[in-house]
Amino acid sequence: MERVSPDDFRRMALALPETTEASHMGHPDFRVDGKVFATLDYPERGFGVVMLPPEGQAHFVKGHSPAFAPVKGAWGKAGSTMILLETADRRAVEAALEAAWRRRAPKKLTEGDAIG
């Protein structure tokens, strides 16, 4: 299984159409149409967070635990999911980033074939 570094997570996120990198609460974040879909180095270095729909979160947590876990509190209940990058499978991280991106992206990007 190929592992994921923080730099890999950043490259994967930025490869998604119309993604920009900014900062939120002192952590790098990734946005589409101005909406955050992923964060890096939260709660600490070596973690990524993706904003999944709750059913998507359940899928990743069930299939890829312990690398994937809900963020604590209300954010986690709403679908925010932590990824311990050093233990996560690359394909699972790519799929989670794409699912989070699709949740936030405008329809013009998600309809058709915006992602190769």
PDB file of N, CA and C in Angstrom:
ATOM      1  N   MET A   1       0.857  -1.183   0.000  1.00  0.00           N
ATOM      2  CA  MET A   1       0.000   0.000   0.000  1.00  0.00           C
ATOM      3  C   MET A   1       0.901   1.242   0.000  1.00  0.00           C
ATOM      4  N   GLU A   2       0.642   2.135  -0.938  1.00  0.00           N
ATOM      5  CA  GLU A   2       1.435   3.353  -1.051  1.00  0.00           C
ATOM      6  C   GLU A   2       0.902   4.408  -0.078  1.00  0.00           C
ATOM      7  N   ARG A   3       1.773   4.898   0.788  1.00  0.00           N
ATOM      8  CA  ARG A   3       1.403   5.870   1.817  1.00  0.00           C
ATOM      9  C   ARG A   3       1.364   7.284   1.252  1.00  0.00           C
ATOM     10  N   VAL A   4       0.805   8.198   2.052  1.00  0.00           N
ATOM     11  CA  VAL A   4       0.588   9.582   1.619  1.00  0.00           C
ATOM     12  C   VAL A   4       1.321  10.534   2.560  1.00  0.00           C
ATOM     13  N   SER A   5       2.087  11.446   2.001  1.00  0.00           N
ATOM     14  CA  SER A   5       2.746  12.492   2.777  1.00  0.00           C
ATOM     15  C   SER A   5       1.883  13.761   2.735  1.00  0.00           C
ATOM     16  N   PRO A   6       2.161  14.727   3.610  1.00  0.00           N
ATOM     17  CA  PRO A   6       1.440  16.000   3.514  1.00  0.00           C
ATOM     18  C   PRO A   6       1.604  16.670   2.143  1.00  0.00           C
ATOM     19  N   ASP A   7       2.797  16.564   1.550  1.00  0.00           N
ATOM     20  CA  ASP A   7       2.994  17.141   0.216  1.00  0.00           C
ATOM     21  C   ASP A   7       2.149  16.417  -0.836  1.00  0.00           C
ATOM     22  N   ASP A   8       2.014  15.095  -0.682  1.00  0.00           N
ATOM     23  CA  ASP A   8       1.148  14.332  -1.595  1.00  0.00           C
ATOM     24  C   ASP A   8      -0.298  14.803  -1.470  1.00  0.00           C
ATOM     25  N   PHE A   9      -0.761  14.969  -0.223  1.00  0.00           N
ATOM     26  CA  PHE A   9      -2.131  15.416   0.025  1.00  0.00           C
ATOM     27  C   PHE A   9      -2.360  16.764  -0.663  1.00  0.00           C
ATOM     28  N   ARG A  10      -1.414  17.675  -0.506  1.00  0.00           N
ATOM     29  CA  ARG A  10      -1.515  19.006  -1.137  1.00  0.00           C
ATOM     30  C   ARG A  10      -1.598  18.871  -2.660  1.00  0.00           C
ATOM     31  N   ARG A  11      -0.719  18.065  -3.255  1.00  0.00           N
ATOM     32  CA  ARG A  11      -0.719  17.893  -4.714  1.00  0.00           C
ATOM     33  C   ARG A  11      -2.037  17.284  -5.198  1.00  0.00           C
ATOM     34  N   MET A  12      -2.543  16.293  -4.481  1.00  0.00           N
ATOM     35  CA  MET A  12      -3.810  15.656  -4.874  1.00  0.00           C
ATOM     36  C   MET A  12      -4.960  16.659  -4.820  1.00  0.00           C
ATOM     37  N   ALA A  13      -5.005  17.446  -3.758  1.00  0.00           N
ATOM     38  CA  ALA A  13      -6.079  18.435  -3.621  1.00  0.00           C
ATOM     39  C   ALA A  13      -5.994  19.479  -4.731  1.00  0.00           C
ATOM     40  N   LEU A  14      -4.794  19.992  -4.978  1.00  0.00           N
ATOM     41  CA  LEU A  14      -4.636  21.043  -5.980  1.00  0.00           C
ATOM     42  C   LEU A  14      -4.827  20.538  -7.408  1.00  0.00           C
ATOM     43  N   ALA A  15      -4.787  19.230  -7.615  1.00  0.00           N
ATOM     44  CA  ALA A  15      -5.015  18.660  -8.942  1.00  0.00           C
ATOM     45  C   ALA A  15      -6.493  18.664  -9.321  1.00  0.00           C
ATOM     46  N   LEU A  16      -7.364  18.843  -8.349  1.00  0.00           N
ATOM     47  CA  LEU A  16      -8.805  18.875  -8.635  1.00  0.00           C
ATOM     48  C   LEU A  16      -9.168  20.205  -9.293  1.00  0.00           C
ATOM     49  N   PRO A  17     -10.077  20.198 -10.257  1.00  0.00           N
ATOM     50  CA  PRO A  17     -10.391  21.409 -11.026  1.00  0.00           C
ATOM     51  C   PRO A  17     -10.758  22.617 -10.161  1.00  0.00           C
ATOM     52  N   GLU A  18     -10.162  23.758 -10.547  1.00  0.00           N
ATOM     53  CA  GLU A  18     -10.447  25.064  -9.949  1.00  0.00           C
ATOM     54  C   GLU A  18     -10.215  25.119  -8.447  1.00  0.00           C
ATOM     55  N   THR A  19      -9.315  24.277  -7.943  1.00  0.00           N
ATOM     56  CA  THR A  19      -8.973  24.290  -6.522  1.00  0.00           C
ATOM     57  C   THR A  19      -7.920  25.349  -6.254  1.00  0.00           C
ATOM     58  N   THR A  20      -8.090  26.060  -5.159  1.00  0.00           N
ATOM     59  CA  THR A  20      -7.103  27.031  -4.703  1.00  0.00           C
ATOM     60  C   THR A  20      -6.701  26.681  -3.274  1.00  0.00           C
ATOM     61  N   GLU A  21      -5.494  27.101  -2.914  1.00  0.00           N
ATOM     62  CA  GLU A  21      -5.023  26.907  -1.546  1.00  0.00           C
ATOM     63  C   GLU A  21      -5.083  28.248  -0.825  1.00  0.00           C
ATOM     64  N   ALA A  22      -5.570  28.222   0.396  1.00  0.00           N
ATOM     65  CA  ALA A  22      -5.627  29.406   1.246  1.00  0.00           C
ATOM     66  C   ALA A  22      -5.268  28.952   2.656  1.00  0.00           C
ATOM     67  N   SER A  23      -5.695  29.713   3.656  1.00  0.00           N
ATOM     68  CA  SER A  23      -5.417  29.357   5.037  1.00  0.00           C
ATOM     69  C   SER A  23      -6.668  29.597   5.862  1.00  0.00           C
ATOM     70  N   HIS A  24      -6.892  28.701   6.796  1.00  0.00           N
ATOM     71  CA  HIS A  24      -8.068  28.780   7.671  1.00  0.00           C
ATOM     72  C   HIS A  24      -7.612  28.405   9.073  1.00  0.00           C
ATOM     73  N   MET A  25      -7.754  29.306  10.010  1.00  0.00           N
ATOM     74  CA  MET A  25      -7.373  29.063  11.397  1.00  0.00           C
ATOM     75  C   MET A  25      -5.922  28.578  11.511  1.00  0.00           C
ATOM     76  N   GLY A  26      -5.050  29.136  10.682  1.00  0.00           N
ATOM     77  CA  GLY A  26      -3.637  28.816  10.746  1.00  0.00           C
ATOM     78  C   GLY A  26      -3.228  27.526  10.053  1.00  0.00           C
ATOM     79  N   HIS A  27      -4.138  26.904   9.323  1.00  0.00           N
ATOM     80  CA  HIS A  27      -3.842  25.660   8.611  1.00  0.00           C
ATOM     81  C   HIS A  27      -4.098  25.861   7.127  1.00  0.00           C
ATOM     82  N   PRO A  28      -3.271  25.231   6.268  1.00  0.00           N
ATOM     83  CA  PRO A  28      -3.564  25.303   4.840  1.00  0.00           C
ATOM     84  C   PRO A  28      -4.917  24.654   4.561  1.00  0.00           C
ATOM     85  N   ASP A  29      -5.682  25.264   3.685  1.00  0.00           N
ATOM     86  CA  ASP A  29      -6.935  24.640   3.271  1.00  0.00           C
ATOM     87  C   ASP A  29      -7.056  24.700   1.763  1.00  0.00           C
ATOM     88  N   PHE A  30      -7.988  23.907   1.259  1.00  0.00           N
ATOM     89  CA  PHE A  30      -8.190  23.778  -0.179  1.00  0.00           C
ATOM     90  C   PHE A  30      -9.650  24.064  -0.457  1.00  0.00           C
ATOM     91  N   ARG A  31      -9.873  24.938  -1.458  1.00  0.00           N
ATOM     92  CA  ARG A  31     -11.213  25.452  -1.734  1.00  0.00           C
ATOM     93  C   ARG A  31     -11.562  25.312  -3.206  1.00  0.00           C
ATOM     94  N   VAL A  32     -12.847  25.153  -3.434  1.00  0.00           N
ATOM     95  CA  VAL A  32     -13.396  25.230  -4.777  1.00  0.00           C
ATOM     96  C   VAL A  32     -14.596  26.162  -4.685  1.00  0.00           C
ATOM     97  N   ASP A  33     -14.661  27.118  -5.580  1.00  0.00           N
ATOM     98  CA  ASP A  33     -15.732  28.110  -5.574  1.00  0.00           C
ATOM     99  C   ASP A  33     -15.792  28.833  -4.222  1.00  0.00           C
ATOM    100  N   GLY A  34     -14.625  29.033  -3.601  1.00  0.00           N
ATOM    101  CA  GLY A  34     -14.536  29.735  -2.321  1.00  0.00           C
ATOM    102  C   GLY A  34     -14.911  28.901  -1.105  1.00  0.00           C
ATOM    103  N   LYS A  35     -15.257  27.629  -1.297  1.00  0.00           N
ATOM    104  CA  LYS A  35     -15.712  26.775  -0.198  1.00  0.00           C
ATOM    105  C   LYS A  35     -14.637  25.754   0.161  1.00  0.00           C
ATOM    106  N   VAL A  36     -14.330  25.656   1.450  1.00  0.00           N
ATOM    107  CA  VAL A  36     -13.316  24.719   1.930  1.00  0.00           C
ATOM    108  C   VAL A  36     -13.834  23.287   1.789  1.00  0.00           C
ATOM    109  N   PHE A  37     -13.011  22.426   1.176  1.00  0.00           N
ATOM    110  CA  PHE A  37     -13.352  21.005   1.105  1.00  0.00           C
ATOM    111  C   PHE A  37     -12.305  20.131   1.785  1.00  0.00           C
ATOM    112  N   ALA A  38     -11.132  20.690   2.092  1.00  0.00           N
ATOM    113  CA  ALA A  38     -10.091  19.910   2.763  1.00  0.00           C
ATOM    114  C   ALA A  38      -9.138  20.852   3.496  1.00  0.00           C
ATOM    115  N   THR A  39      -8.519  20.332   4.531  1.00  0.00           N
ATOM    116  CA  THR A  39      -7.552  21.073   5.341  1.00  0.00           C
ATOM    117  C   THR A  39      -6.358  20.172   5.597  1.00  0.00           C
ATOM    118  N   LEU A  40      -5.196  20.774   5.707  1.00  0.00           N
ATOM    119  CA  LEU A  40      -3.968  20.026   5.961  1.00  0.00           C
ATOM    120  C   LEU A  40      -3.396  20.440   7.317  1.00  0.00           C
ATOM    121  N   ASP A  41      -2.762  19.496   7.991  1.00  0.00           N
ATOM    122  CA  ASP A  41      -2.092  19.734   9.276  1.00  0.00           C
ATOM    123  C   ASP A  41      -3.047  20.088  10.401  1.00  0.00           C
ATOM    124  N   TYR A  42      -4.246  19.522  10.369  1.00  0.00           N
ATOM    125  CA  TYR A  42      -5.187  19.665  11.479  1.00  0.00           C
ATOM    126  C   TYR A  42      -5.611  18.261  11.895  1.00  0.00           C
ATOM    127  N   PRO A  43      -5.613  17.905  13.152  1.00  0.00           N
ATOM    128  CA  PRO A  43      -5.323  18.737  14.312  1.00  0.00           C
ATOM    129  C   PRO A  43      -3.836  18.997  14.539  1.00  0.00           C
ATOM    130  N   GLU A  44      -2.977  18.279  13.804  1.00  0.00           N
ATOM    131  CA  GLU A  44      -1.533  18.528  13.871  1.00  0.00           C
ATOM    132  C   GLU A  44      -0.900  18.048  12.577  1.00  0.00           C
ATOM    133  N   ARG A  45       0.408  18.327  12.427  1.00  0.00           N
ATOM    134  CA  ARG A  45       1.121  17.923  11.212  1.00  0.00           C
ATOM    135  C   ARG A  45       0.947  16.427  10.992  1.00  0.00           C
ATOM    136  N   GLY A  46       0.783  16.058   9.731  1.00  0.00           N
ATOM    137  CA  GLY A  46       0.637  14.653   9.390  1.00  0.00           C
ATOM    138  C   GLY A  46      -0.803  14.208   9.215  1.00  0.00           C
ATOM    139  N   PHE A  47      -1.734  15.121   9.467  1.00  0.00           N
ATOM    140  CA  PHE A  47      -3.155  14.826   9.283  1.00  0.00           C
ATOM    141  C   PHE A  47      -3.707  15.675   8.148  1.00  0.00           C
ATOM    142  N   GLY A  48      -4.732  15.147   7.497  1.00  0.00           N
ATOM    143  CA  GLY A  48      -5.555  15.908   6.573  1.00  0.00           C
ATOM    144  C   GLY A  48      -6.991  15.775   7.041  1.00  0.00           C
ATOM    145  N   VAL A  49      -7.827  16.714   6.659  1.00  0.00           N
ATOM    146  CA  VAL A  49      -9.258  16.636   6.961  1.00  0.00           C
ATOM    147  C   VAL A  49     -10.008  16.870   5.664  1.00  0.00           C
ATOM    148  N   VAL A  50     -11.024  16.044   5.427  1.00  0.00           N
ATOM    149  CA  VAL A  50     -11.895  16.221   4.269  1.00  0.00           C
ATOM    150  C   VAL A  50     -13.312  16.427   4.767  1.00  0.00           C
ATOM    151  N   MET A  51     -14.073  17.286   4.081  1.00  0.00           N
ATOM    152  CA  MET A  51     -15.443  17.594   4.450  1.00  0.00           C
ATOM    153  C   MET A  51     -16.373  16.723   3.600  1.00  0.00           C
ATOM    154  N   LEU A  52     -16.691  15.559   4.123  1.00  0.00           N
ATOM    155  CA  LEU A  52     -17.515  14.583   3.399  1.00  0.00           C
ATOM    156  C   LEU A  52     -18.969  14.680   3.824  1.00  0.00           C
ATOM    157  N   PRO A  53     -19.871  14.197   2.990  1.00  0.00           N
ATOM    158  CA  PRO A  53     -21.239  14.023   3.481  1.00  0.00           C
ATOM    159  C   PRO A  53     -21.203  12.908   4.538  1.00  0.00           C
ATOM    160  N   PRO A  54     -22.094  12.919   5.527  1.00  0.00           N
ATOM    161  CA  PRO A  54     -22.048  11.906   6.586  1.00  0.00           C
ATOM    162  C   PRO A  54     -22.010  10.464   6.077  1.00  0.00           C
ATOM    163  N   GLU A  55     -22.749  10.163   5.006  1.00  0.00           N
ATOM    164  CA  GLU A  55     -22.725   8.789   4.485  1.00  0.00           C
ATOM    165  C   GLU A  55     -21.374   8.451   3.867  1.00  0.00           C
ATOM    166  N   GLY A  56     -20.723   9.436   3.285  1.00  0.00           N
ATOM    167  CA  GLY A  56     -19.373   9.234   2.752  1.00  0.00           C
ATOM    168  C   GLY A  56     -18.381   9.007   3.876  1.00  0.00           C
ATOM    169  N   GLN A  57     -18.539   9.777   4.942  1.00  0.00           N
ATOM    170  CA  GLN A  57     -17.684   9.590   6.105  1.00  0.00           C
ATOM    171  C   GLN A  57     -17.812   8.160   6.635  1.00  0.00           C
ATOM    172  N   ALA A  58     -19.038   7.680   6.764  1.00  0.00           N
ATOM    173  CA  ALA A  58     -19.265   6.325   7.277  1.00  0.00           C
ATOM    174  C   ALA A  58     -18.556   5.296   6.388  1.00  0.00           C
ATOM    175  N   HIS A  59     -18.621   5.483   5.089  1.00  0.00           N
ATOM    176  CA  HIS A  59     -17.961   4.568   4.148  1.00  0.00           C
ATOM    177  C   HIS A  59     -16.454   4.531   4.385  1.00  0.00           C
ATOM    178  N   PHE A  60     -15.814   5.696   4.454  1.00  0.00           N
ATOM    179  CA  PHE A  60     -14.358   5.740   4.610  1.00  0.00           C
ATOM    180  C   PHE A  60     -13.922   5.264   5.991  1.00  0.00           C
ATOM    181  N   VAL A  61     -14.646   5.631   7.034  1.00  0.00           N
ATOM    182  CA  VAL A  61     -14.286   5.193   8.380  1.00  0.00           C
ATOM    183  C   VAL A  61     -14.414   3.675   8.482  1.00  0.00           C
ATOM    184  N   LYS A  62     -15.484   3.127   7.947  1.00  0.00           N
ATOM    185  CA  LYS A  62     -15.702   1.679   8.017  1.00  0.00           C
ATOM    186  C   LYS A  62     -14.643   0.920   7.204  1.00  0.00           C
ATOM    187  N   GLY A  63     -14.342   1.407   6.029  1.00  0.00           N
ATOM    188  CA  GLY A  63     -13.441   0.686   5.139  1.00  0.00           C
ATOM    189  C   GLY A  63     -11.968   0.964   5.335  1.00  0.00           C
ATOM    190  N   HIS A  64     -11.619   2.055   6.029  1.00  0.00           N
ATOM    191  CA  HIS A  64     -10.214   2.454   6.109  1.00  0.00           C
ATOM    192  C   HIS A  64      -9.797   2.882   7.518  1.00  0.00           C
ATOM    193  N   SER A  65     -10.475   2.370   8.530  1.00  0.00           N
ATOM    194  CA  SER A  65     -10.092   2.655   9.906  1.00  0.00           C
ATOM    195  C   SER A  65      -8.800   1.896  10.208  1.00  0.00           C
ATOM    196  N   PRO A  66      -7.896   2.422  10.973  1.00  0.00           N
ATOM    197  CA  PRO A  66      -7.955   3.624  11.781  1.00  0.00           C
ATOM    198  C   PRO A  66      -7.419   4.879  11.095  1.00  0.00           C
ATOM    199  N   ALA A  67      -7.041   4.797   9.802  1.00  0.00           N
ATOM    200  CA  ALA A  67      -6.505   5.975   9.113  1.00  0.00           C
ATOM    201  C   ALA A  67      -7.547   7.079   8.986  1.00  0.00           C
ATOM    202  N   PHE A  68      -8.826   6.722   8.861  1.00  0.00           N
ATOM    203  CA  PHE A  68      -9.920   7.686   8.739  1.00  0.00           C
ATOM    204  C   PHE A  68     -10.744   7.660  10.018  1.00  0.00           C
ATOM    205  N   ALA A  69     -11.059   8.832  10.546  1.00  0.00           N
ATOM    206  CA  ALA A  69     -11.883   8.931  11.758  1.00  0.00           C
ATOM    207  C   ALA A  69     -12.633  10.255  11.739  1.00  0.00           C
ATOM    208  N   PRO A  70     -13.843  10.296  12.304  1.00  0.00           N
ATOM    209  CA  PRO A  70     -14.569  11.556  12.374  1.00  0.00           C
ATOM    210  C   PRO A  70     -13.809  12.579  13.234  1.00  0.00           C
ATOM    211  N   VAL A  71     -13.861  13.845  12.834  1.00  0.00           N
ATOM    212  CA  VAL A  71     -13.359  14.921  13.682  1.00  0.00           C
ATOM    213  C   VAL A  71     -14.261  14.954  14.910  1.00  0.00           C
ATOM    214  N   LYS A  72     -13.708  15.306  16.054  1.00  0.00           N
ATOM    215  CA  LYS A  72     -14.513  15.352  17.278  1.00  0.00           C
ATOM    216  C   LYS A  72     -15.567  16.456  17.210  1.00  0.00           C
ATOM    217  N   GLY A  73     -16.679  16.219  17.877  1.00  0.00           N
ATOM    218  CA  GLY A  73     -17.720  17.223  18.029  1.00  0.00           C
ATOM    219  C   GLY A  73     -18.648  17.355  16.836  1.00  0.00           C
ATOM    220  N   ALA A  74     -19.284  18.523  16.756  1.00  0.00           N
ATOM    221  CA  ALA A  74     -20.314  18.774  15.741  1.00  0.00           C
ATOM    222  C   ALA A  74     -19.752  18.707  14.321  1.00  0.00           C
ATOM    223  N   TRP A  75     -18.523  19.167  14.115  1.00  0.00           N
ATOM    224  CA  TRP A  75     -17.939  19.111  12.774  1.00  0.00           C
ATOM    225  C   TRP A  75     -17.867  17.674  12.288  1.00  0.00           C
ATOM    226  N   GLY A  76     -17.478  16.764  13.164  1.00  0.00           N
ATOM    227  CA  GLY A  76     -17.405  15.358  12.797  1.00  0.00           C
ATOM    228  C   GLY A  76     -18.769  14.775  12.492  1.00  0.00           C
ATOM    229  N   LYS A  77     -19.758  15.153  13.266  1.00  0.00           N
ATOM    230  CA  LYS A  77     -21.121  14.668  13.019  1.00  0.00           C
ATOM    231  C   LYS A  77     -21.648  15.164  11.678  1.00  0.00           C
ATOM    232  N   ALA A  78     -21.129  16.305  11.217  1.00  0.00           N
ATOM    233  CA  ALA A  78     -21.552  16.865   9.925  1.00  0.00           C
ATOM    234  C   ALA A  78     -20.747  16.303   8.755  1.00  0.00           C
ATOM    235  N   GLY A  79     -19.760  15.424   9.035  1.00  0.00           N
ATOM    236  CA  GLY A  79     -19.016  14.778   7.964  1.00  0.00           C
ATOM    237  C   GLY A  79     -17.530  15.086   7.901  1.00  0.00           C
ATOM    238  N   SER A  80     -17.037  16.033   8.700  1.00  0.00           N
ATOM    239  CA  SER A  80     -15.600  16.321   8.676  1.00  0.00           C
ATOM    240  C   SER A  80     -14.834  15.101   9.177  1.00  0.00           C
ATOM    241  N   THR A  81     -13.882  14.664   8.377  1.00  0.00           N
ATOM    242  CA  THR A  81     -13.204  13.396   8.613  1.00  0.00           C
ATOM    243  C   THR A  81     -11.685  13.588   8.603  1.00  0.00           C
ATOM    244  N   MET A  82     -11.027  13.170   9.699  1.00  0.00           N
ATOM    245  CA  MET A  82      -9.569  13.241   9.796  1.00  0.00           C
ATOM    246  C   MET A  82      -8.948  12.046   9.098  1.00  0.00           C
ATOM    247  N   ILE A  83      -7.788  12.291   8.501  1.00  0.00           N
ATOM    248  CA  ILE A  83      -7.015  11.223   7.874  1.00  0.00           C
ATOM    249  C   ILE A  83      -5.594  11.283   8.434  1.00  0.00           C
ATOM    250  N   LEU A  84      -5.159  10.218   9.086  1.00  0.00           N
ATOM    251  CA  LEU A  84      -3.760  10.103   9.502  1.00  0.00           C
ATOM    252  C   LEU A  84      -2.999   9.659   8.262  1.00  0.00           C
ATOM    253  N   LEU A  85      -2.306  10.605   7.640  1.00  0.00           N
ATOM    254  CA  LEU A  85      -1.764  10.392   6.304  1.00  0.00           C
ATOM    255  C   LEU A  85      -0.764   9.242   6.238  1.00  0.00           C
ATOM    256  N   GLU A  86       0.089   9.095   7.230  1.00  0.00           N
ATOM    257  CA  GLU A  86       1.128   8.058   7.153  1.00  0.00           C
ATOM    258  C   GLU A  86       0.561   6.640   7.182  1.00  0.00           C
ATOM    259  N   THR A  87      -0.684   6.483   7.597  1.00  0.00           N
ATOM    260  CA  THR A  87      -1.290   5.150   7.627  1.00  0.00           C
ATOM    261  C   THR A  87      -2.365   4.971   6.563  1.00  0.00           C
ATOM    262  N   ALA A  88      -2.619   6.005   5.783  1.00  0.00           N
ATOM    263  CA  ALA A  88      -3.720   5.973   4.817  1.00  0.00           C
ATOM    264  C   ALA A  88      -3.269   5.464   3.454  1.00  0.00           C
ATOM    265  N   ASP A  89      -4.139   4.733   2.809  1.00  0.00           N
ATOM    266  CA  ASP A  89      -3.925   4.259   1.453  1.00  0.00           C
ATOM    267  C   ASP A  89      -4.132   5.413   0.469  1.00  0.00           C
ATOM    268  N   ARG A  90      -3.206   5.553  -0.465  1.00  0.00           N
ATOM    269  CA  ARG A  90      -3.250   6.653  -1.439  1.00  0.00           C
ATOM    270  C   ARG A  90      -4.576   6.699  -2.206  1.00  0.00           C
ATOM    271  N   ARG A  91      -5.057   5.552  -2.668  1.00  0.00           N
ATOM    272  CA  ARG A  91      -6.307   5.550  -3.434  1.00  0.00           C
ATOM    273  C   ARG A  91      -7.482   6.004  -2.581  1.00  0.00           C
ATOM    274  N   ALA A  92      -7.491   5.625  -1.314  1.00  0.00           N
ATOM    275  CA  ALA A  92      -8.579   6.051  -0.429  1.00  0.00           C
ATOM    276  C   ALA A  92      -8.529   7.560  -0.214  1.00  0.00           C
ATOM    277  N   VAL A  93      -7.325   8.112  -0.045  1.00  0.00           N
ATOM    278  CA  VAL A  93      -7.195   9.568   0.138  1.00  0.00           C
ATOM    279  C   VAL A  93      -7.640  10.298  -1.120  1.00  0.00           C
ATOM    280  N   GLU A  94      -7.228   9.822  -2.278  1.00  0.00           N
ATOM    281  CA  GLU A  94      -7.666  10.445  -3.535  1.00  0.00           C
ATOM    282  C   GLU A  94      -9.183  10.418  -3.657  1.00  0.00           C
ATOM    283  N   ALA A  95      -9.782   9.286  -3.336  1.00  0.00           N
ATOM    284  CA  ALA A  95     -11.244   9.159  -3.427  1.00  0.00           C
ATOM    285  C   ALA A  95     -11.944  10.075  -2.429  1.00  0.00           C
ATOM    286  N   ALA A  96     -11.404  10.179  -1.220  1.00  0.00           N
ATOM    287  CA  ALA A  96     -12.007  11.043  -0.206  1.00  0.00           C
ATOM    288  C   ALA A  96     -11.895  12.513  -0.604  1.00  0.00           C
ATOM    289  N   LEU A  97     -10.735  12.905  -1.126  1.00  0.00           N
ATOM    290  CA  LEU A  97     -10.585  14.290  -1.588  1.00  0.00           C
ATOM    291  C   LEU A  97     -11.566  14.599  -2.718  1.00  0.00           C
ATOM    292  N   GLU A  98     -11.709  13.676  -3.656  1.00  0.00           N
ATOM    293  CA  GLU A  98     -12.644  13.916  -4.759  1.00  0.00           C
ATOM    294  C   GLU A  98     -14.081  14.008  -4.247  1.00  0.00           C
ATOM    295  N   ALA A  99     -14.453  13.148  -3.302  1.00  0.00           N
ATOM    296  CA  ALA A  99     -15.816  13.195  -2.745  1.00  0.00           C
ATOM    297  C   ALA A  99     -16.060  14.511  -2.026  1.00  0.00           C
ATOM    298  N   ALA A 100     -15.075  14.982  -1.266  1.00  0.00           N
ATOM    299  CA  ALA A 100     -15.213  16.262  -0.569  1.00  0.00           C
ATOM    300  C   ALA A 100     -15.289  17.410  -1.573  1.00  0.00           C
ATOM    301  N   TRP A 101     -14.454  17.352  -2.616  1.00  0.00           N
ATOM    302  CA  TRP A 101     -14.467  18.374  -3.661  1.00  0.00           C
ATOM    303  C   TRP A 101     -15.844  18.420  -4.333  1.00  0.00           C
ATOM    304  N   ARG A 102     -16.373  17.247  -4.679  1.00  0.00           N
ATOM    305  CA  ARG A 102     -17.686  17.178  -5.342  1.00  0.00           C
ATOM    306  C   ARG A 102     -18.788  17.753  -4.454  1.00  0.00           C
ATOM    307  N   ARG A 103     -18.665  17.592  -3.157  1.00  0.00           N
ATOM    308  CA  ARG A 103     -19.681  18.121  -2.231  1.00  0.00           C
ATOM    309  C   ARG A 103     -19.709  19.650  -2.264  1.00  0.00           C
ATOM    310  N   ARG A 104     -18.575  20.271  -2.494  1.00  0.00           N
ATOM    311  CA  ARG A 104     -18.487  21.733  -2.459  1.00  0.00           C
ATOM    312  C   ARG A 104     -18.478  22.404  -3.833  1.00  0.00           C
ATOM    313  N   ALA A 105     -18.112  21.668  -4.866  1.00  0.00           N
ATOM    314  CA  ALA A 105     -17.947  22.266  -6.197  1.00  0.00           C
ATOM    315  C   ALA A 105     -19.295  22.656  -6.803  1.00  0.00           C
ATOM    316  N   PRO A 106     -19.296  23.721  -7.620  1.00  0.00           N
ATOM    317  CA  PRO A 106     -20.534  24.094  -8.313  1.00  0.00           C
ATOM    318  C   PRO A 106     -20.912  23.041  -9.352  1.00  0.00           C
ATOM    319  N   LYS A 107     -22.191  22.980  -9.671  1.00  0.00           N
ATOM    320  CA  LYS A 107     -22.700  21.968 -10.605  1.00  0.00           C
ATOM    321  C   LYS A 107     -21.983  21.996 -11.946  1.00  0.00           C
ATOM    322  N   LYS A 108     -21.604  23.177 -12.407  1.00  0.00           N
ATOM    323  CA  LYS A 108     -20.930  23.258 -13.708  1.00  0.00           C
ATOM    324  C   LYS A 108     -19.645  22.442 -13.726  1.00  0.00           C
ATOM    325  N   LEU A 109     -19.042  22.214 -12.569  1.00  0.00           N
ATOM    326  CA  LEU A 109     -17.835  21.413 -12.505  1.00  0.00           C
ATOM    327  C   LEU A 109     -18.112  19.934 -12.271  1.00  0.00           C
ATOM    328  N   THR A 110     -19.183  19.635 -11.572  1.00  0.00           N
ATOM    329  CA  THR A 110     -19.458  18.238 -11.230  1.00  0.00           C
ATOM    330  C   THR A 110     -20.276  17.512 -12.294  1.00  0.00           C
ATOM    331  N   GLU A 111     -20.962  18.253 -13.134  1.00  0.00           N
ATOM    332  CA  GLU A 111     -21.720  17.627 -14.221  1.00  0.00           C
ATOM    333  C   GLU A 111     -20.763  17.398 -15.384  1.00  0.00           C
ATOM    334  N   GLY A 112     -20.934  16.307 -16.060  1.00  0.00           N
ATOM    335  CA  GLY A 112     -20.040  16.006 -17.170  1.00  0.00           C
ATOM    336  C   GLY A 112     -18.761  15.368 -16.660  1.00  0.00           C
ATOM    337  N   ASP A 113     -17.649  15.713 -17.285  1.00  0.00           N
ATOM    338  CA  ASP A 113     -16.397  15.022 -17.008  1.00  0.00           C
ATOM    339  C   ASP A 113     -15.301  15.996 -16.592  1.00  0.00           C
ATOM    340  N   ALA A 114     -15.548  16.779 -15.535  1.00  0.00           N
ATOM    341  CA  ALA A 114     -14.554  17.749 -15.086  1.00  0.00           C
ATOM    342  C   ALA A 114     -13.309  17.077 -14.537  1.00  0.00           C
ATOM    343  N   ILE A 115     -13.504  15.891 -13.940  1.00  0.00           N
ATOM    344  CA  ILE A 115     -12.367  15.153 -13.405  1.00  0.00           C
ATOM    345  C   ILE A 115     -12.099  13.978 -14.332  1.00  0.00           C
ATOM    346  N   GLY A 116     -10.842  13.914 -14.800  1.00  0.00           N
ATOM    347  CA  GLY A 116     -10.418  12.912 -15.752  1.00  0.00           C
ATOM    348  C   GLY A 116     -10.729  11.551 -15.371  1.00  0.00           C
TER     349      GLY A 116
END
